[in-house]
Amino acid sequence: MILSRLSDYLRERRRASLADLALGLHASPDAVEAMLATLERKGRVRRLPPGSSCASRCGKCNPGTIQIYEWCGSTQTDRP
């Protein structure tokens, strides 16, 4: 199930941009955003405020234009 894959992907990275998540899951950003909304409602993911950096902190992205999400759930495998 793709929601489980999204959870696993974000749990491993702790923080990722919407674009990174979409690329990693081979899904559209709109589809990933809808799944992230489900995980947000469950308290497992939170969207960080504009200007936050992703886990790589490379500084290549414009922080004002990207959406960063952070895993808030258990670090153990818990299914959505």
C-alpha atoms as a PDB file:
ATOM      1  CA  MET A   1       0.000   0.000   0.000  1.00  0.00           C
ATOM      2  CA  ILE A   2       1.381   3.393  -0.958  1.00  0.00           C
ATOM      3  CA  LEU A   3       0.382   5.037   2.360  1.00  0.00           C
ATOM      4  CA  SER A   4       2.594   2.516   4.160  1.00  0.00           C
ATOM      5  CA  ARG A   5       5.438   3.229   1.750  1.00  0.00           C
ATOM      6  CA  LEU A   6       5.037   6.955   2.376  1.00  0.00           C
ATOM      7  CA  SER A   7       5.155   6.374   6.132  1.00  0.00           C
ATOM      8  CA  ASP A   8       8.265   4.212   5.831  1.00  0.00           C
ATOM      9  CA  TYR A   9       9.989   6.705   3.520  1.00  0.00           C
ATOM     10  CA  LEU A  10       9.350   9.672   5.802  1.00  0.00           C
ATOM     11  CA  ARG A  11      10.105   7.714   8.983  1.00  0.00           C
ATOM     12  CA  GLU A  12      13.549   6.809   7.606  1.00  0.00           C
ATOM     13  CA  ARG A  13      14.361  10.385   6.597  1.00  0.00           C
ATOM     14  CA  ARG A  14      12.553  12.158   9.462  1.00  0.00           C
ATOM     15  CA  ARG A  15      12.066  15.217   7.184  1.00  0.00           C
ATOM     16  CA  ALA A  16      11.491  15.569   3.455  1.00  0.00           C
ATOM     17  CA  SER A  17      10.064  17.947   0.913  1.00  0.00           C
ATOM     18  CA  LEU A  18       6.858  17.207  -0.947  1.00  0.00           C
ATOM     19  CA  ALA A  19       8.873  17.002  -4.175  1.00  0.00           C
ATOM     20  CA  ASP A  20      11.296  14.477  -2.653  1.00  0.00           C
ATOM     21  CA  LEU A  21       8.437  12.349  -1.351  1.00  0.00           C
ATOM     22  CA  ALA A  22       6.693  12.384  -4.738  1.00  0.00           C
ATOM     23  CA  LEU A  23       9.913  11.363  -6.514  1.00  0.00           C
ATOM     24  CA  GLY A  24      10.677   8.649  -3.981  1.00  0.00           C
ATOM     25  CA  LEU A  25       7.215   7.140  -4.311  1.00  0.00           C
ATOM     26  CA  HIS A  26       6.890   7.653  -8.080  1.00  0.00           C
ATOM     27  CA  ALA A  27       3.626   9.494  -7.470  1.00  0.00           C
ATOM     28  CA  SER A  28       2.252  12.926  -8.264  1.00  0.00           C
ATOM     29  CA  PRO A  29       2.739  15.666  -5.668  1.00  0.00           C
ATOM     30  CA  ASP A  30      -1.066  16.037  -5.448  1.00  0.00           C
ATOM     31  CA  ALA A  31      -1.483  12.339  -4.604  1.00  0.00           C
ATOM     32  CA  VAL A  32       1.285  12.476  -2.007  1.00  0.00           C
ATOM     33  CA  GLU A  33      -0.168  15.642  -0.477  1.00  0.00           C
ATOM     34  CA  ALA A  34      -3.535  13.907  -0.038  1.00  0.00           C
ATOM     35  CA  MET A  35      -1.853  10.984   1.725  1.00  0.00           C
ATOM     36  CA  LEU A  36       0.151  13.362   3.902  1.00  0.00           C
ATOM     37  CA  ALA A  37      -3.113  15.028   4.956  1.00  0.00           C
ATOM     38  CA  THR A  38      -4.328  11.628   6.182  1.00  0.00           C
ATOM     39  CA  LEU A  39      -1.131  11.109   8.167  1.00  0.00           C
ATOM     40  CA  GLU A  40      -1.387  14.662   9.556  1.00  0.00           C
ATOM     41  CA  ARG A  41      -4.907  13.972  10.841  1.00  0.00           C
ATOM     42  CA  LYS A  42      -3.558  10.867  12.583  1.00  0.00           C
ATOM     43  CA  GLY A  43      -0.776  12.908  14.210  1.00  0.00           C
ATOM     44  CA  ARG A  44       2.040  11.030  12.480  1.00  0.00           C
ATOM     45  CA  VAL A  45       3.237  13.827  10.198  1.00  0.00           C
ATOM     46  CA  ARG A  46       3.349  17.585  10.440  1.00  0.00           C
ATOM     47  CA  ARG A  47       3.933  20.212   7.816  1.00  0.00           C
ATOM     48  CA  LEU A  48       6.718  22.550   8.845  1.00  0.00           C
ATOM     49  CA  PRO A  49       6.391  26.318   8.555  1.00  0.00           C
ATOM     50  CA  PRO A  50       7.718  28.061   5.437  1.00  0.00           C
ATOM     51  CA  GLY A  51      11.456  28.583   5.613  1.00  0.00           C
ATOM     52  CA  SER A  52      12.167  25.218   7.252  1.00  0.00           C
ATOM     53  CA  SER A  53      14.867  23.055   5.741  1.00  0.00           C
ATOM     54  CA  CYS A  54      14.654  19.424   4.720  1.00  0.00           C
ATOM     55  CA  ALA A  55      16.789  16.695   6.257  1.00  0.00           C
ATOM     56  CA  SER A  56      19.641  17.133   3.780  1.00  0.00           C
ATOM     57  CA  ARG A  57      20.091  20.818   4.655  1.00  0.00           C
ATOM     58  CA  CYS A  58      22.077  21.288   1.426  1.00  0.00           C
ATOM     59  CA  GLY A  59      20.714  24.801   0.960  1.00  0.00           C
ATOM     60  CA  LYS A  60      19.992  24.324  -2.749  1.00  0.00           C
ATOM     61  CA  CYS A  61      16.239  24.831  -2.467  1.00  0.00           C
ATOM     62  CA  ASN A  62      14.498  28.135  -1.936  1.00  0.00           C
ATOM     63  CA  PRO A  63      13.019  27.579   1.540  1.00  0.00           C
ATOM     64  CA  GLY A  64      10.124  29.917   0.804  1.00  0.00           C
ATOM     65  CA  THR A  65       8.826  27.798  -2.063  1.00  0.00           C
ATOM     66  CA  ILE A  66       9.074  24.217  -0.820  1.00  0.00           C
ATOM     67  CA  GLN A  67       6.796  22.259   1.484  1.00  0.00           C
ATOM     68  CA  ILE A  68       8.628  20.273   4.163  1.00  0.00           C
ATOM     69  CA  TYR A  69       7.039  17.477   6.164  1.00  0.00           C
ATOM     70  CA  GLU A  70       8.369  15.883   9.337  1.00  0.00           C
ATOM     71  CA  TRP A  71       7.627  12.452  10.797  1.00  0.00           C
ATOM     72  CA  CYS A  72       6.054  12.719  14.270  1.00  0.00           C
ATOM     73  CA  GLY A  73       4.925   9.129  14.734  1.00  0.00           C
ATOM     74  CA  SER A  74       6.732   6.276  16.341  1.00  0.00           C
ATOM     75  CA  THR A  75      10.160   5.385  15.016  1.00  0.00           C
ATOM     76  CA  GLN A  76       9.033   1.772  15.038  1.00  0.00           C
ATOM     77  CA  THR A  77       7.019   0.392  12.179  1.00  0.00           C
ATOM     78  CA  ASP A  78       3.412   1.367  12.836  1.00  0.00           C
ATOM     79  CA  ARG A  79       1.055   1.021   9.934  1.00  0.00           C
ATOM     80  CA  PRO A  80      -1.236   3.881   8.862  1.00  0.00           C
END
